[in-house]
């Protein structure tokens, strides 16, 4: 006859097994692309930012990062 402790232990083990199997079934993360801009400097006519775009490519192991140096001048911006 199982004691209450043994029944609880088996129940916890079964719950952990179900949780780990459901995590494995989810497989890969969502495909996400993030963008970040940092202002590096400015003058009265324009400012410069460093734009970083990161793409996880829907994987835990592979990603791509692109960096752009962008000059923005308000005089050329759309009204």
C-alpha atoms as a PDB file:
ATOM      1  CA  UNK A   1       0.000   0.000   0.000  1.00  0.00           C
ATOM      2  CA  UNK A   2       1.353   3.411  -1.014  1.00  0.00           C
ATOM      3  CA  UNK A   3       1.741   6.016   1.640  1.00  0.00           C
ATOM      4  CA  UNK A   4       0.467   9.556   1.125  1.00  0.00           C
ATOM      5  CA  UNK A   5       4.053  10.712   0.599  1.00  0.00           C
ATOM      6  CA  UNK A   6       4.601   8.224  -2.239  1.00  0.00           C
ATOM      7  CA  UNK A   7       1.318   9.199  -3.922  1.00  0.00           C
ATOM      8  CA  UNK A   8       2.268  12.877  -3.736  1.00  0.00           C
ATOM      9  CA  UNK A   9       5.740  12.124  -5.099  1.00  0.00           C
ATOM     10  CA  UNK A  10       4.274  10.204  -8.072  1.00  0.00           C
ATOM     11  CA  UNK A  11       1.797  13.013  -8.745  1.00  0.00           C
ATOM     12  CA  UNK A  12       4.577  15.618  -8.774  1.00  0.00           C
ATOM     13  CA  UNK A  13       6.699  13.469 -11.089  1.00  0.00           C
ATOM     14  CA  UNK A  14       3.770  13.056 -13.493  1.00  0.00           C
ATOM     15  CA  UNK A  15       3.092  16.811 -13.466  1.00  0.00           C
ATOM     16  CA  UNK A  16       6.753  17.588 -14.199  1.00  0.00           C
ATOM     17  CA  UNK A  17       6.778  15.079 -17.041  1.00  0.00           C
ATOM     18  CA  UNK A  18       3.651  16.633 -18.587  1.00  0.00           C
ATOM     19  CA  UNK A  19       5.143  20.115 -18.226  1.00  0.00           C
ATOM     20  CA  UNK A  20       8.424  19.141 -19.886  1.00  0.00           C
ATOM     21  CA  UNK A  21       6.604  17.386 -22.755  1.00  0.00           C
ATOM     22  CA  UNK A  22       4.415  20.433 -23.374  1.00  0.00           C
ATOM     23  CA  UNK A  23       7.507  22.668 -23.438  1.00  0.00           C
ATOM     24  CA  UNK A  24       9.158  20.371 -25.978  1.00  0.00           C
ATOM     25  CA  UNK A  25       6.036  20.449 -28.134  1.00  0.00           C
ATOM     26  CA  UNK A  26       6.158  24.236 -28.335  1.00  0.00           C
ATOM     27  CA  UNK A  27       9.528  23.829 -30.038  1.00  0.00           C
ATOM     28  CA  UNK A  28      10.723  27.136 -31.392  1.00  0.00           C
ATOM     29  CA  UNK A  29      10.216  30.723 -30.293  1.00  0.00           C
ATOM     30  CA  UNK A  30       8.137  33.221 -32.232  1.00  0.00           C
ATOM     31  CA  UNK A  31       9.917  34.998 -35.070  1.00  0.00           C
ATOM     32  CA  UNK A  32      10.767  38.468 -33.756  1.00  0.00           C
ATOM     33  CA  UNK A  33      12.597  41.453 -35.152  1.00  0.00           C
ATOM     34  CA  UNK A  34      13.531  44.203 -32.716  1.00  0.00           C
ATOM     35  CA  UNK A  35      14.904  47.642 -33.470  1.00  0.00           C
ATOM     36  CA  UNK A  36      16.762  50.022 -31.185  1.00  0.00           C
ATOM     37  CA  UNK A  37      18.092  53.507 -31.884  1.00  0.00           C
ATOM     38  CA  UNK A  38      20.691  55.422 -29.895  1.00  0.00           C
ATOM     39  CA  UNK A  39      21.470  59.056 -30.512  1.00  0.00           C
ATOM     40  CA  UNK A  40      25.215  59.456 -30.956  1.00  0.00           C
ATOM     41  CA  UNK A  41      25.417  63.174 -31.576  1.00  0.00           C
ATOM     42  CA  UNK A  42      23.723  66.238 -32.957  1.00  0.00           C
ATOM     43  CA  UNK A  43      24.293  69.724 -34.278  1.00  0.00           C
ATOM     44  CA  UNK A  44      21.853  72.505 -35.262  1.00  0.00           C
ATOM     45  CA  UNK A  45      21.315  70.940 -38.721  1.00  0.00           C
ATOM     46  CA  UNK A  46      21.029  67.190 -38.059  1.00  0.00           C
ATOM     47  CA  UNK A  47      21.604  64.329 -35.671  1.00  0.00           C
ATOM     48  CA  UNK A  48      23.156  60.881 -35.975  1.00  0.00           C
ATOM     49  CA  UNK A  49      21.761  57.657 -34.562  1.00  0.00           C
ATOM     50  CA  UNK A  50      23.036  54.107 -34.376  1.00  0.00           C
ATOM     51  CA  UNK A  51      20.162  51.787 -35.330  1.00  0.00           C
ATOM     52  CA  UNK A  52      20.471  48.128 -34.306  1.00  0.00           C
ATOM     53  CA  UNK A  53      18.059  45.545 -35.752  1.00  0.00           C
ATOM     54  CA  UNK A  54      18.055  42.032 -34.298  1.00  0.00           C
ATOM     55  CA  UNK A  55      16.237  39.117 -35.964  1.00  0.00           C
ATOM     56  CA  UNK A  56      15.984  35.840 -34.026  1.00  0.00           C
ATOM     57  CA  UNK A  57      14.958  33.991 -37.233  1.00  0.00           C
ATOM     58  CA  UNK A  58      12.488  31.882 -35.231  1.00  0.00           C
ATOM     59  CA  UNK A  59      15.313  29.998 -33.519  1.00  0.00           C
ATOM     60  CA  UNK A  60      16.963  29.795 -30.125  1.00  0.00           C
ATOM     61  CA  UNK A  61      20.366  29.262 -31.756  1.00  0.00           C
ATOM     62  CA  UNK A  62      20.566  31.554 -34.797  1.00  0.00           C
ATOM     63  CA  UNK A  63      20.080  35.278 -34.999  1.00  0.00           C
ATOM     64  CA  UNK A  64      21.145  38.160 -37.197  1.00  0.00           C
ATOM     65  CA  UNK A  65      22.114  41.650 -36.063  1.00  0.00           C
ATOM     66  CA  UNK A  66      22.396  44.600 -38.429  1.00  0.00           C
ATOM     67  CA  UNK A  67      23.746  48.009 -37.446  1.00  0.00           C
ATOM     68  CA  UNK A  68      23.179  51.209 -39.411  1.00  0.00           C
ATOM     69  CA  UNK A  69      24.577  54.678 -38.922  1.00  0.00           C
ATOM     70  CA  UNK A  70      21.713  57.032 -39.780  1.00  0.00           C
ATOM     71  CA  UNK A  71      21.893  60.792 -40.277  1.00  0.00           C
ATOM     72  CA  UNK A  72      18.576  62.556 -39.884  1.00  0.00           C
ATOM     73  CA  UNK A  73      18.154  66.198 -40.764  1.00  0.00           C
ATOM     74  CA  UNK A  74      14.876  67.879 -39.831  1.00  0.00           C
ATOM     75  CA  UNK A  75      15.068  70.178 -42.871  1.00  0.00           C
ATOM     76  CA  UNK A  76      14.643  67.135 -45.182  1.00  0.00           C
ATOM     77  CA  UNK A  77      11.951  65.461 -43.068  1.00  0.00           C
ATOM     78  CA  UNK A  78       8.378  65.233 -44.334  1.00  0.00           C
ATOM     79  CA  UNK A  79       6.163  68.123 -43.159  1.00  0.00           C
END
